[in-house]
């Protein structure tokens, strides 16, 4: 009986002292979709973000916010999965990964040194 409570729970609840944080299935699915969109954006651009999967999730979340709240594009038929517009999310994540690539490309190139011939 106790095991079924954990399996069929409404989400995740974290208690730290007097603070209670509850994450429902909507937030968990939003993060899963953001992870998939972020990894696809990294694959399309061909550049990895720092922090691995966490960096991809952050880029996708910011990309979703950017393309749905800041830059609103109308007239595009978008496929929405669990409240996340996939095309706009992917476009925003691609923009952020490309910007990160443009800003950090010069810092990550390794310099080649030639030995002085004697």
PDB file of N, CA and C in Angstrom:
ATOM      1  N   UNK A   1       0.820  -1.189   0.000  1.00  0.00           N
ATOM      2  CA  UNK A   1       0.000   0.000   0.000  1.00  0.00           C
ATOM      3  C   UNK A   1       0.871   1.263   0.000  1.00  0.00           C
ATOM      4  N   UNK A   2       1.912   1.258   0.791  1.00  0.00           N
ATOM      5  CA  UNK A   2       2.785   2.417   0.885  1.00  0.00           C
ATOM      6  C   UNK A   2       3.519   2.659  -0.433  1.00  0.00           C
ATOM      7  N   UNK A   3       3.926   1.581  -1.109  1.00  0.00           N
ATOM      8  CA  UNK A   3       4.635   1.731  -2.384  1.00  0.00           C
ATOM      9  C   UNK A   3       3.738   2.341  -3.449  1.00  0.00           C
ATOM     10  N   UNK A   4       2.455   2.045  -3.430  1.00  0.00           N
ATOM     11  CA  UNK A   4       1.543   2.608  -4.428  1.00  0.00           C
ATOM     12  C   UNK A   4       1.366   4.107  -4.243  1.00  0.00           C
ATOM     13  N   UNK A   5       1.566   4.613  -3.051  1.00  0.00           N
ATOM     14  CA  UNK A   5       1.480   6.055  -2.832  1.00  0.00           C
ATOM     15  C   UNK A   5       2.610   6.785  -3.544  1.00  0.00           C
ATOM     16  N   UNK A   6       3.783   6.175  -3.591  1.00  0.00           N
ATOM     17  CA  UNK A   6       4.906   6.807  -4.260  1.00  0.00           C
ATOM     18  C   UNK A   6       4.790   6.693  -5.777  1.00  0.00           C
ATOM     19  N   UNK A   7       4.274   5.597  -6.260  1.00  0.00           N
ATOM     20  CA  UNK A   7       4.157   5.377  -7.696  1.00  0.00           C
ATOM     21  C   UNK A   7       3.065   6.250  -8.292  1.00  0.00           C
ATOM     22  N   UNK A   8       1.949   6.390  -7.615  1.00  0.00           N
ATOM     23  CA  UNK A   8       0.809   7.128  -8.133  1.00  0.00           C
ATOM     24  C   UNK A   8       0.705   8.533  -7.550  1.00  0.00           C
ATOM     25  N   UNK A   9       1.836   9.099  -7.170  1.00  0.00           N
ATOM     26  CA  UNK A   9       1.833  10.418  -6.556  1.00  0.00           C
ATOM     27  C   UNK A   9       1.511  11.497  -7.583  1.00  0.00           C
ATOM     28  N   UNK A  10       1.079  12.651  -7.104  1.00  0.00           N
ATOM     29  CA  UNK A  10       0.753  13.768  -7.984  1.00  0.00           C
ATOM     30  C   UNK A  10       1.978  14.533  -8.423  1.00  0.00           C
ATOM     31  N   UNK A  11       3.093  14.295  -7.840  1.00  0.00           N
ATOM     32  CA  UNK A  11       4.317  15.007  -8.187  1.00  0.00           C
ATOM     33  C   UNK A  11       5.355  14.783  -7.113  1.00  0.00           C
ATOM     34  N   UNK A  12       6.224  15.741  -6.956  1.00  0.00           N
ATOM     35  CA  UNK A  12       7.304  15.661  -5.979  1.00  0.00           C
ATOM     36  C   UNK A  12       7.150  16.817  -5.008  1.00  0.00           C
ATOM     37  N   UNK A  13       7.255  16.515  -3.720  1.00  0.00           N
ATOM     38  CA  UNK A  13       7.177  17.543  -2.681  1.00  0.00           C
ATOM     39  C   UNK A  13       8.471  17.514  -1.882  1.00  0.00           C
ATOM     40  N   UNK A  14       9.082  18.676  -1.718  1.00  0.00           N
ATOM     41  CA  UNK A  14      10.322  18.801  -0.964  1.00  0.00           C
ATOM     42  C   UNK A  14      10.063  19.733   0.209  1.00  0.00           C
ATOM     43  N   UNK A  15      10.414  19.271   1.400  1.00  0.00           N
ATOM     44  CA  UNK A  15      10.246  20.096   2.607  1.00  0.00           C
ATOM     45  C   UNK A  15      11.609  20.369   3.222  1.00  0.00           C
ATOM     46  N   UNK A  16      11.894  21.641   3.406  1.00  0.00           N
ATOM     47  CA  UNK A  16      13.109  22.076   4.096  1.00  0.00           C
ATOM     48  C   UNK A  16      12.694  23.065   5.172  1.00  0.00           C
ATOM     49  N   UNK A  17      12.633  22.595   6.398  1.00  0.00           N
ATOM     50  CA  UNK A  17      12.180  23.460   7.484  1.00  0.00           C
ATOM     51  C   UNK A  17      10.723  23.836   7.301  1.00  0.00           C
ATOM     52  N   UNK A  18      10.441  25.142   7.259  1.00  0.00           N
ATOM     53  CA  UNK A  18       9.082  25.616   7.057  1.00  0.00           C
ATOM     54  C   UNK A  18       8.725  25.780   5.584  1.00  0.00           C
ATOM     55  N   UNK A  19       9.690  25.620   4.708  1.00  0.00           N
ATOM     56  CA  UNK A  19       9.448  25.786   3.268  1.00  0.00           C
ATOM     57  C   UNK A  19       9.012  24.471   2.643  1.00  0.00           C
ATOM     58  N   UNK A  20       7.968  24.541   1.837  1.00  0.00           N
ATOM     59  CA  UNK A  20       7.470  23.365   1.125  1.00  0.00           C
ATOM     60  C   UNK A  20       7.396  23.703  -0.352  1.00  0.00           C
ATOM     61  N   UNK A  21       8.096  22.921  -1.178  1.00  0.00           N
ATOM     62  CA  UNK A  21       8.060  23.090  -2.620  1.00  0.00           C
ATOM     63  C   UNK A  21       7.402  21.864  -3.222  1.00  0.00           C
ATOM     64  N   UNK A  22       6.441  22.100  -4.076  1.00  0.00           N
ATOM     65  CA  UNK A  22       5.729  21.006  -4.717  1.00  0.00           C
ATOM     66  C   UNK A  22       5.843  21.149  -6.229  1.00  0.00           C
ATOM     67  N   UNK A  23       6.330  20.096  -6.862  1.00  0.00           N
ATOM     68  CA  UNK A  23       6.477  20.074  -8.307  1.00  0.00           C
ATOM     69  C   UNK A  23       5.508  19.045  -8.858  1.00  0.00           C
ATOM     70  N   UNK A  24       4.534  19.513  -9.622  1.00  0.00           N
ATOM     71  CA  UNK A  24       3.550  18.623 -10.213  1.00  0.00           C
ATOM     72  C   UNK A  24       4.042  18.037 -11.519  1.00  0.00           C
ATOM     73  N   UNK A  25       3.217  17.177 -12.115  1.00  0.00           N
ATOM     74  CA  UNK A  25       3.582  16.547 -13.370  1.00  0.00           C
ATOM     75  C   UNK A  25       3.763  17.558 -14.483  1.00  0.00           C
ATOM     76  N   UNK A  26       3.057  18.684 -14.413  1.00  0.00           N
ATOM     77  CA  UNK A  26       3.194  19.682 -15.477  1.00  0.00           C
ATOM     78  C   UNK A  26       4.608  20.253 -15.519  1.00  0.00           C
ATOM     79  N   UNK A  27       5.195  20.523 -14.368  1.00  0.00           N
ATOM     80  CA  UNK A  27       6.555  21.066 -14.328  1.00  0.00           C
ATOM     81  C   UNK A  27       7.572  19.991 -14.709  1.00  0.00           C
ATOM     82  N   UNK A  28       7.336  18.773 -14.258  1.00  0.00           N
ATOM     83  CA  UNK A  28       8.260  17.685 -14.585  1.00  0.00           C
ATOM     84  C   UNK A  28       8.262  17.422 -16.092  1.00  0.00           C
ATOM     85  N   UNK A  29       7.100  17.372 -16.717  1.00  0.00           N
ATOM     86  CA  UNK A  29       7.021  17.171 -18.167  1.00  0.00           C
ATOM     87  C   UNK A  29       7.592  18.361 -18.928  1.00  0.00           C
ATOM     88  N   UNK A  30       7.405  19.571 -18.404  1.00  0.00           N
ATOM     89  CA  UNK A  30       7.973  20.771 -19.016  1.00  0.00           C
ATOM     90  C   UNK A  30       9.497  20.672 -19.041  1.00  0.00           C
ATOM     91  N   UNK A  31      10.093  20.194 -17.947  1.00  0.00           N
ATOM     92  CA  UNK A  31      11.547  20.047 -17.886  1.00  0.00           C
ATOM     93  C   UNK A  31      12.044  18.941 -18.811  1.00  0.00           C
ATOM     94  N   UNK A  32      11.283  17.848 -18.936  1.00  0.00           N
ATOM     95  CA  UNK A  32      11.673  16.765 -19.834  1.00  0.00           C
ATOM     96  C   UNK A  32      11.651  17.249 -21.288  1.00  0.00           C
ATOM     97  N   UNK A  33      10.598  17.967 -21.649  1.00  0.00           N
ATOM     98  CA  UNK A  33      10.514  18.504 -23.011  1.00  0.00           C
ATOM     99  C   UNK A  33      11.619  19.522 -23.248  1.00  0.00           C
ATOM    100  N   UNK A  34      11.931  20.345 -22.235  1.00  0.00           N
ATOM    101  CA  UNK A  34      13.018  21.314 -22.365  1.00  0.00           C
ATOM    102  C   UNK A  34      14.356  20.600 -22.552  1.00  0.00           C
ATOM    103  N   UNK A  35      14.560  19.483 -21.878  1.00  0.00           N
ATOM    104  CA  UNK A  35      15.807  18.729 -22.042  1.00  0.00           C
ATOM    105  C   UNK A  35      15.928  18.192 -23.464  1.00  0.00           C
ATOM    106  N   UNK A  36      14.842  17.657 -23.997  1.00  0.00           N
ATOM    107  CA  UNK A  36      14.872  17.116 -25.359  1.00  0.00           C
ATOM    108  C   UNK A  36      15.117  18.233 -26.373  1.00  0.00           C
ATOM    109  N   UNK A  37      14.409  19.348 -26.208  1.00  0.00           N
ATOM    110  CA  UNK A  37      14.572  20.481 -27.124  1.00  0.00           C
ATOM    111  C   UNK A  37      15.992  21.041 -27.032  1.00  0.00           C
ATOM    112  N   UNK A  38      16.537  21.148 -25.837  1.00  0.00           N
ATOM    113  CA  UNK A  38      17.901  21.658 -25.671  1.00  0.00           C
ATOM    114  C   UNK A  38      18.943  20.759 -26.311  1.00  0.00           C
ATOM    115  N   UNK A  39      18.782  19.450 -26.176  1.00  0.00           N
ATOM    116  CA  UNK A  39      19.738  18.532 -26.796  1.00  0.00           C
ATOM    117  C   UNK A  39      19.628  18.555 -28.315  1.00  0.00           C
ATOM    118  N   UNK A  40      18.405  18.666 -28.832  1.00  0.00           N
ATOM    119  CA  UNK A  40      18.236  18.765 -30.288  1.00  0.00           C
ATOM    120  C   UNK A  40      18.866  20.064 -30.806  1.00  0.00           C
ATOM    121  N   UNK A  41      18.699  21.156 -30.066  1.00  0.00           N
ATOM    122  CA  UNK A  41      19.297  22.435 -30.469  1.00  0.00           C
ATOM    123  C   UNK A  41      20.824  22.345 -30.469  1.00  0.00           C
ATOM    124  N   UNK A  42      21.397  21.688 -29.460  1.00  0.00           N
ATOM    125  CA  UNK A  42      22.846  21.497 -29.448  1.00  0.00           C
ATOM    126  C   UNK A  42      23.297  20.672 -30.642  1.00  0.00           C
ATOM    127  N   UNK A  43      22.533  19.649 -30.990  1.00  0.00           N
ATOM    128  CA  UNK A  43      22.887  18.803 -32.121  1.00  0.00           C
ATOM    129  C   UNK A  43      22.801  19.571 -33.438  1.00  0.00           C
ATOM    130  N   UNK A  44      21.780  20.408 -33.593  1.00  0.00           N
ATOM    131  CA  UNK A  44      21.615  21.169 -34.831  1.00  0.00           C
ATOM    132  C   UNK A  44      22.744  22.183 -34.997  1.00  0.00           C
ATOM    133  N   UNK A  45      23.081  22.895 -33.926  1.00  0.00           N
ATOM    134  CA  UNK A  45      24.136  23.909 -34.005  1.00  0.00           C
ATOM    135  C   UNK A  45      25.513  23.248 -34.059  1.00  0.00           C
ATOM    136  N   UNK A  46      25.658  22.103 -33.427  1.00  0.00           N
ATOM    137  CA  UNK A  46      26.947  21.416 -33.428  1.00  0.00           C
ATOM    138  C   UNK A  46      27.885  21.918 -32.356  1.00  0.00           C
ATOM    139  N   UNK A  47      27.357  22.455 -31.302  1.00  0.00           N
ATOM    140  CA  UNK A  47      28.165  23.020 -30.226  1.00  0.00           C
ATOM    141  C   UNK A  47      27.541  22.639 -28.898  1.00  0.00           C
ATOM    142  N   UNK A  48      28.335  22.195 -27.965  1.00  0.00           N
ATOM    143  CA  UNK A  48      27.834  21.781 -26.659  1.00  0.00           C
ATOM    144  C   UNK A  48      27.882  22.939 -25.676  1.00  0.00           C
ATOM    145  N   UNK A  49      26.875  23.003 -24.842  1.00  0.00           N
ATOM    146  CA  UNK A  49      26.833  24.013 -23.794  1.00  0.00           C
ATOM    147  C   UNK A  49      27.526  23.479 -22.553  1.00  0.00           C
ATOM    148  N   UNK A  50      28.026  24.367 -21.706  1.00  0.00           N
ATOM    149  CA  UNK A  50      28.607  23.887 -20.456  1.00  0.00           C
ATOM    150  C   UNK A  50      27.512  23.314 -19.554  1.00  0.00           C
ATOM    151  N   UNK A  51      27.880  22.506 -18.610  1.00  0.00           N
ATOM    152  CA  UNK A  51      27.014  21.842 -17.629  1.00  0.00           C
ATOM    153  C   UNK A  51      26.197  20.704 -18.226  1.00  0.00           C
ATOM    154  N   UNK A  52      26.480  20.292 -19.434  1.00  0.00           N
ATOM    155  CA  UNK A  52      25.840  19.119 -20.008  1.00  0.00           C
ATOM    156  C   UNK A  52      24.343  19.258 -20.184  1.00  0.00           C
ATOM    157  N   UNK A  53      23.602  18.295 -19.635  1.00  0.00           N
ATOM    158  CA  UNK A  53      22.156  18.275 -19.795  1.00  0.00           C
ATOM    159  C   UNK A  53      21.506  19.450 -19.061  1.00  0.00           C
ATOM    160  N   UNK A  54      22.100  19.888 -17.968  1.00  0.00           N
ATOM    161  CA  UNK A  54      21.559  21.032 -17.227  1.00  0.00           C
ATOM    162  C   UNK A  54      21.680  22.300 -18.073  1.00  0.00           C
ATOM    163  N   UNK A  55      22.787  22.475 -18.756  1.00  0.00           N
ATOM    164  CA  UNK A  55      22.950  23.625 -19.650  1.00  0.00           C
ATOM    165  C   UNK A  55      21.967  23.588 -20.800  1.00  0.00           C
ATOM    166  N   UNK A  56      21.694  22.383 -21.328  1.00  0.00           N
ATOM    167  CA  UNK A  56      20.714  22.250 -22.402  1.00  0.00           C
ATOM    168  C   UNK A  56      19.315  22.591 -21.915  1.00  0.00           C
ATOM    169  N   UNK A  57      18.976  22.161 -20.692  1.00  0.00           N
ATOM    170  CA  UNK A  57      17.658  22.478 -20.125  1.00  0.00           C
ATOM    171  C   UNK A  57      17.525  23.975 -19.902  1.00  0.00           C
ATOM    172  N   UNK A  58      18.569  24.596 -19.376  1.00  0.00           N
ATOM    173  CA  UNK A  58      18.520  26.042 -19.130  1.00  0.00           C
ATOM    174  C   UNK A  58      18.378  26.804 -20.447  1.00  0.00           C
ATOM    175  N   UNK A  59      19.123  26.400 -21.469  1.00  0.00           N
ATOM    176  CA  UNK A  59      19.014  27.062 -22.770  1.00  0.00           C
ATOM    177  C   UNK A  59      17.620  26.906 -23.352  1.00  0.00           C
ATOM    178  N   UNK A  60      17.044  25.721 -23.216  1.00  0.00           N
ATOM    179  CA  UNK A  60      15.696  25.504 -23.742  1.00  0.00           C
ATOM    180  C   UNK A  60      14.660  26.288 -22.951  1.00  0.00           C
ATOM    181  N   UNK A  61      14.786  26.335 -21.637  1.00  0.00           N
ATOM    182  CA  UNK A  61      13.827  27.103 -20.838  1.00  0.00           C
ATOM    183  C   UNK A  61      13.884  28.591 -21.165  1.00  0.00           C
ATOM    184  N   UNK A  62      15.101  29.114 -21.294  1.00  0.00           N
ATOM    185  CA  UNK A  62      15.239  30.523 -21.660  1.00  0.00           C
ATOM    186  C   UNK A  62      14.756  30.743 -23.094  1.00  0.00           C
ATOM    187  N   UNK A  63      15.019  29.779 -23.975  1.00  0.00           N
ATOM    188  CA  UNK A  63      14.538  29.875 -25.347  1.00  0.00           C
ATOM    189  C   UNK A  63      13.021  29.852 -25.433  1.00  0.00           C
ATOM    190  N   UNK A  64      12.383  29.006 -24.633  1.00  0.00           N
ATOM    191  CA  UNK A  64      10.925  28.971 -24.581  1.00  0.00           C
ATOM    192  C   UNK A  64      10.386  30.308 -24.101  1.00  0.00           C
ATOM    193  N   UNK A  65      10.978  30.837 -23.049  1.00  0.00           N
ATOM    194  CA  UNK A  65      10.526  32.125 -22.524  1.00  0.00           C
ATOM    195  C   UNK A  65      10.761  33.234 -23.550  1.00  0.00           C
ATOM    196  N   UNK A  66      11.918  33.194 -24.192  1.00  0.00           N
ATOM    197  CA  UNK A  66      12.257  34.228 -25.167  1.00  0.00           C
ATOM    198  C   UNK A  66      11.275  34.236 -26.333  1.00  0.00           C
ATOM    199  N   UNK A  67      10.958  33.086 -26.870  1.00  0.00           N
ATOM    200  CA  UNK A  67      10.129  33.026 -28.073  1.00  0.00           C
ATOM    201  C   UNK A  67       8.625  33.065 -27.788  1.00  0.00           C
ATOM    202  N   UNK A  68       8.212  32.900 -26.539  1.00  0.00           N
ATOM    203  CA  UNK A  68       6.783  32.965 -26.242  1.00  0.00           C
ATOM    204  C   UNK A  68       6.378  34.226 -25.497  1.00  0.00           C
ATOM    205  N   UNK A  69       7.304  34.847 -24.783  1.00  0.00           N
ATOM    206  CA  UNK A  69       6.964  36.021 -23.984  1.00  0.00           C
ATOM    207  C   UNK A  69       7.612  37.310 -24.484  1.00  0.00           C
ATOM    208  N   UNK A  70       8.841  37.242 -24.967  1.00  0.00           N
ATOM    209  CA  UNK A  70       9.573  38.438 -25.377  1.00  0.00           C
ATOM    210  C   UNK A  70       9.384  38.700 -26.866  1.00  0.00           C
ATOM    211  N   UNK A  71       9.721  37.725 -27.693  1.00  0.00           N
ATOM    212  CA  UNK A  71       9.576  37.846 -29.145  1.00  0.00           C
ATOM    213  C   UNK A  71       8.396  36.966 -29.537  1.00  0.00           C
ATOM    214  N   UNK A  72       7.274  37.588 -29.836  1.00  0.00           N
ATOM    215  CA  UNK A  72       6.071  36.828 -30.167  1.00  0.00           C
ATOM    216  C   UNK A  72       5.924  36.786 -31.682  1.00  0.00           C
ATOM    217  N   UNK A  73       6.004  35.596 -32.239  1.00  0.00           N
ATOM    218  CA  UNK A  73       5.848  35.397 -33.681  1.00  0.00           C
ATOM    219  C   UNK A  73       4.445  34.849 -33.908  1.00  0.00           C
ATOM    220  N   UNK A  74       3.673  35.544 -34.713  1.00  0.00           N
ATOM    221  CA  UNK A  74       2.321  35.076 -35.008  1.00  0.00           C
ATOM    222  C   UNK A  74       2.264  34.533 -36.430  1.00  0.00           C
ATOM    223  N   UNK A  75       1.249  33.761 -36.694  1.00  0.00           N
ATOM    224  CA  UNK A  75       1.068  33.229 -38.024  1.00  0.00           C
ATOM    225  C   UNK A  75       1.776  31.910 -38.260  1.00  0.00           C
ATOM    226  N   UNK A  76       2.396  31.361 -37.225  1.00  0.00           N
ATOM    227  CA  UNK A  76       3.082  30.079 -37.354  1.00  0.00           C
ATOM    228  C   UNK A  76       2.217  29.021 -36.683  1.00  0.00           C
ATOM    229  N   UNK A  77       1.871  27.990 -37.417  1.00  0.00           N
ATOM    230  CA  UNK A  77       1.179  26.867 -36.805  1.00  0.00           C
ATOM    231  C   UNK A  77       2.176  26.059 -36.002  1.00  0.00           C
ATOM    232  N   UNK A  78       2.012  26.032 -34.712  1.00  0.00           N
ATOM    233  CA  UNK A  78       2.989  25.405 -33.835  1.00  0.00           C
ATOM    234  C   UNK A  78       2.382  24.177 -33.176  1.00  0.00           C
ATOM    235  N   UNK A  79       3.163  23.126 -33.070  1.00  0.00           N
ATOM    236  CA  UNK A  79       2.738  21.915 -32.387  1.00  0.00           C
ATOM    237  C   UNK A  79       2.984  22.098 -30.895  1.00  0.00           C
ATOM    238  N   UNK A  80       1.951  21.995 -30.089  1.00  0.00           N
ATOM    239  CA  UNK A  80       2.053  22.215 -28.647  1.00  0.00           C
ATOM    240  C   UNK A  80       1.956  20.874 -27.941  1.00  0.00           C
ATOM    241  N   UNK A  81       2.950  20.575 -27.110  1.00  0.00           N
ATOM    242  CA  UNK A  81       2.989  19.336 -26.351  1.00  0.00           C
ATOM    243  C   UNK A  81       3.077  19.676 -24.873  1.00  0.00           C
ATOM    244  N   UNK A  82       2.042  19.332 -24.114  1.00  0.00           N
ATOM    245  CA  UNK A  82       1.940  19.632 -22.690  1.00  0.00           C
ATOM    246  C   UNK A  82       2.151  21.117 -22.395  1.00  0.00           C
ATOM    247  N   UNK A  83       1.634  21.970 -23.238  1.00  0.00           N
ATOM    248  CA  UNK A  83       1.705  23.404 -23.036  1.00  0.00           C
ATOM    249  C   UNK A  83       2.970  24.061 -23.553  1.00  0.00           C
ATOM    250  N   UNK A  84       3.867  23.293 -24.173  1.00  0.00           N
ATOM    251  CA  UNK A  84       5.119  23.828 -24.694  1.00  0.00           C
ATOM    252  C   UNK A  84       5.031  23.887 -26.218  1.00  0.00           C
ATOM    253  N   UNK A  85       5.114  25.096 -26.800  1.00  0.00           N
ATOM    254  CA  UNK A  85       5.151  25.189 -28.268  1.00  0.00           C
ATOM    255  C   UNK A  85       6.515  24.723 -28.778  1.00  0.00           C
ATOM    256  N   UNK A  86       6.545  23.574 -29.427  1.00  0.00           N
ATOM    257  CA  UNK A  86       7.815  22.922 -29.756  1.00  0.00           C
ATOM    258  C   UNK A  86       8.650  23.682 -30.778  1.00  0.00           C
ATOM    259  N   UNK A  87       8.033  24.198 -31.830  1.00  0.00           N
ATOM    260  CA  UNK A  87       8.811  24.904 -32.852  1.00  0.00           C
ATOM    261  C   UNK A  87       9.441  26.173 -32.285  1.00  0.00           C
ATOM    262  N   UNK A  88       8.663  26.940 -31.545  1.00  0.00           N
ATOM    263  CA  UNK A  88       9.208  28.174 -30.952  1.00  0.00           C
ATOM    264  C   UNK A  88      10.274  27.861 -29.907  1.00  0.00           C
ATOM    265  N   UNK A  89      10.056  26.807 -29.126  1.00  0.00           N
ATOM    266  CA  UNK A  89      11.052  26.419 -28.127  1.00  0.00           C
ATOM    267  C   UNK A  89      12.353  26.005 -28.795  1.00  0.00           C
ATOM    268  N   UNK A  90      12.243  25.233 -29.871  1.00  0.00           N
ATOM    269  CA  UNK A  90      13.441  24.802 -30.587  1.00  0.00           C
ATOM    270  C   UNK A  90      14.149  25.986 -31.231  1.00  0.00           C
ATOM    271  N   UNK A  91      13.397  26.892 -31.810  1.00  0.00           N
ATOM    272  CA  UNK A  91      13.986  28.084 -32.423  1.00  0.00           C
ATOM    273  C   UNK A  91      14.702  28.946 -31.378  1.00  0.00           C
ATOM    274  N   UNK A  92      14.082  29.155 -30.226  1.00  0.00           N
ATOM    275  CA  UNK A  92      14.715  29.930 -29.162  1.00  0.00           C
ATOM    276  C   UNK A  92      15.959  29.263 -28.618  1.00  0.00           C
ATOM    277  N   UNK A  93      15.914  27.929 -28.440  1.00  0.00           N
ATOM    278  CA  UNK A  93      17.090  27.220 -27.943  1.00  0.00           C
ATOM    279  C   UNK A  93      18.220  27.242 -28.961  1.00  0.00           C
ATOM    280  N   UNK A  94      17.892  27.132 -30.255  1.00  0.00           N
ATOM    281  CA  UNK A  94      18.919  27.215 -31.297  1.00  0.00           C
ATOM    282  C   UNK A  94      19.573  28.594 -31.279  1.00  0.00           C
ATOM    283  N   UNK A  95      18.773  29.642 -31.114  1.00  0.00           N
ATOM    284  CA  UNK A  95      19.322  31.003 -31.056  1.00  0.00           C
ATOM    285  C   UNK A  95      20.281  31.146 -29.874  1.00  0.00           C
ATOM    286  N   UNK A  96      19.898  30.618 -28.710  1.00  0.00           N
ATOM    287  CA  UNK A  96      20.767  30.745 -27.532  1.00  0.00           C
ATOM    288  C   UNK A  96      22.044  29.922 -27.667  1.00  0.00           C
ATOM    289  N   UNK A  97      21.946  28.711 -28.201  1.00  0.00           N
ATOM    290  CA  UNK A  97      23.152  27.897 -28.382  1.00  0.00           C
ATOM    291  C   UNK A  97      24.074  28.544 -29.416  1.00  0.00           C
ATOM    292  N   UNK A  98      23.504  29.102 -30.490  1.00  0.00           N
ATOM    293  CA  UNK A  98      24.324  29.775 -31.496  1.00  0.00           C
ATOM    294  C   UNK A  98      24.991  31.023 -30.919  1.00  0.00           C
ATOM    295  N   UNK A  99      24.270  31.790 -30.110  1.00  0.00           N
ATOM    296  CA  UNK A  99      24.887  32.953 -29.462  1.00  0.00           C
ATOM    297  C   UNK A  99      26.018  32.538 -28.533  1.00  0.00           C
ATOM    298  N   UNK A 100      25.804  31.462 -27.771  1.00  0.00           N
ATOM    299  CA  UNK A 100      26.854  30.970 -26.879  1.00  0.00           C
ATOM    300  C   UNK A 100      28.073  30.539 -27.695  1.00  0.00           C
ATOM    301  N   UNK A 101      27.835  29.905 -28.825  1.00  0.00           N
ATOM    302  CA  UNK A 101      28.926  29.485 -29.696  1.00  0.00           C
ATOM    303  C   UNK A 101      29.695  30.686 -30.238  1.00  0.00           C
ATOM    304  N   UNK A 102      28.974  31.710 -30.681  1.00  0.00           N
ATOM    305  CA  UNK A 102      29.637  32.905 -31.211  1.00  0.00           C
ATOM    306  C   UNK A 102      30.441  33.640 -30.146  1.00  0.00           C
ATOM    307  N   UNK A 103      29.929  33.663 -28.915  1.00  0.00           N
ATOM    308  CA  UNK A 103      30.625  34.388 -27.849  1.00  0.00           C
ATOM    309  C   UNK A 103      31.833  33.635 -27.308  1.00  0.00           C
ATOM    310  N   UNK A 104      31.797  32.307 -27.323  1.00  0.00           N
ATOM    311  CA  UNK A 104      32.869  31.550 -26.676  1.00  0.00           C
ATOM    312  C   UNK A 104      33.769  30.812 -27.638  1.00  0.00           C
ATOM    313  N   UNK A 105      33.544  30.914 -28.943  1.00  0.00           N
ATOM    314  CA  UNK A 105      34.361  30.150 -29.887  1.00  0.00           C
ATOM    315  C   UNK A 105      35.828  30.562 -29.831  1.00  0.00           C
ATOM    316  N   UNK A 106      36.106  31.826 -29.740  1.00  0.00           N
ATOM    317  CA  UNK A 106      37.483  32.303 -29.697  1.00  0.00           C
ATOM    318  C   UNK A 106      38.211  31.912 -28.421  1.00  0.00           C
ATOM    319  N   UNK A 107      37.457  31.679 -27.358  1.00  0.00           N
ATOM    320  CA  UNK A 107      38.082  31.308 -26.096  1.00  0.00           C
ATOM    321  C   UNK A 107      38.463  29.834 -26.033  1.00  0.00           C
ATOM    322  N   UNK A 108      37.794  29.005 -26.820  1.00  0.00           N
ATOM    323  CA  UNK A 108      38.036  27.575 -26.714  1.00  0.00           C
ATOM    324  C   UNK A 108      38.997  27.033 -27.755  1.00  0.00           C
ATOM    325  N   UNK A 109      39.347  27.845 -28.753  1.00  0.00           N
ATOM    326  CA  UNK A 109      40.316  27.354 -29.740  1.00  0.00           C
ATOM    327  C   UNK A 109      41.677  27.221 -29.098  1.00  0.00           C
ATOM    328  N   UNK A 110      42.333  26.144 -29.390  1.00  0.00           N
ATOM    329  CA  UNK A 110      43.671  25.950 -28.844  1.00  0.00           C
ATOM    330  C   UNK A 110      44.693  26.516 -29.814  1.00  0.00           C
ATOM    331  N   UNK A 111      45.644  27.146 -29.274  1.00  0.00           N
ATOM    332  CA  UNK A 111      46.692  27.725 -30.115  1.00  0.00           C
ATOM    333  C   UNK A 111      47.744  26.672 -30.409  1.00  0.00           C
ATOM    334  N   UNK A 112      48.224  26.730 -31.600  1.00  0.00           N
ATOM    335  CA  UNK A 112      49.276  25.800 -31.991  1.00  0.00           C
ATOM    336  C   UNK A 112      50.606  26.533 -31.992  1.00  0.00           C
ATOM    337  N   UNK A 113      51.519  25.963 -31.263  1.00  0.00           N
ATOM    338  CA  UNK A 113      52.850  26.567 -31.196  1.00  0.00           C
ATOM    339  C   UNK A 113      53.813  25.716 -32.011  1.00  0.00           C
ATOM    340  N   UNK A 114      54.651  26.428 -32.749  1.00  0.00           N
ATOM    341  CA  UNK A 114      55.697  25.728 -33.485  1.00  0.00           C
ATOM    342  C   UNK A 114      56.982  25.826 -32.692  1.00  0.00           C
ATOM    343  N   UNK A 115      57.681  24.736 -32.733  1.00  0.00           N
ATOM    344  CA  UNK A 115      58.988  24.759 -32.077  1.00  0.00           C
ATOM    345  C   UNK A 115      59.973  25.467 -32.967  1.00  0.00           C
ATOM    346  N   UNK A 116      60.814  26.223 -32.371  1.00  0.00           N
ATOM    347  CA  UNK A 116      61.866  26.901 -33.126  1.00  0.00           C
ATOM    348  C   UNK A 116      62.933  25.875 -33.518  1.00  0.00           C
ATOM    349  N   UNK A 117      63.209  25.843 -34.792  1.00  0.00           N
ATOM    350  CA  UNK A 117      64.216  24.886 -35.251  1.00  0.00           C
ATOM    351  C   UNK A 117      65.606  25.439 -34.988  1.00  0.00           C
ATOM    352  N   UNK A 118      66.445  24.588 -34.482  1.00  0.00           N
ATOM    353  CA  UNK A 118      67.806  24.996 -34.132  1.00  0.00           C
ATOM    354  C   UNK A 118      68.784  24.577 -35.161  1.00  0.00           C
TER     355      UNK A 118
END
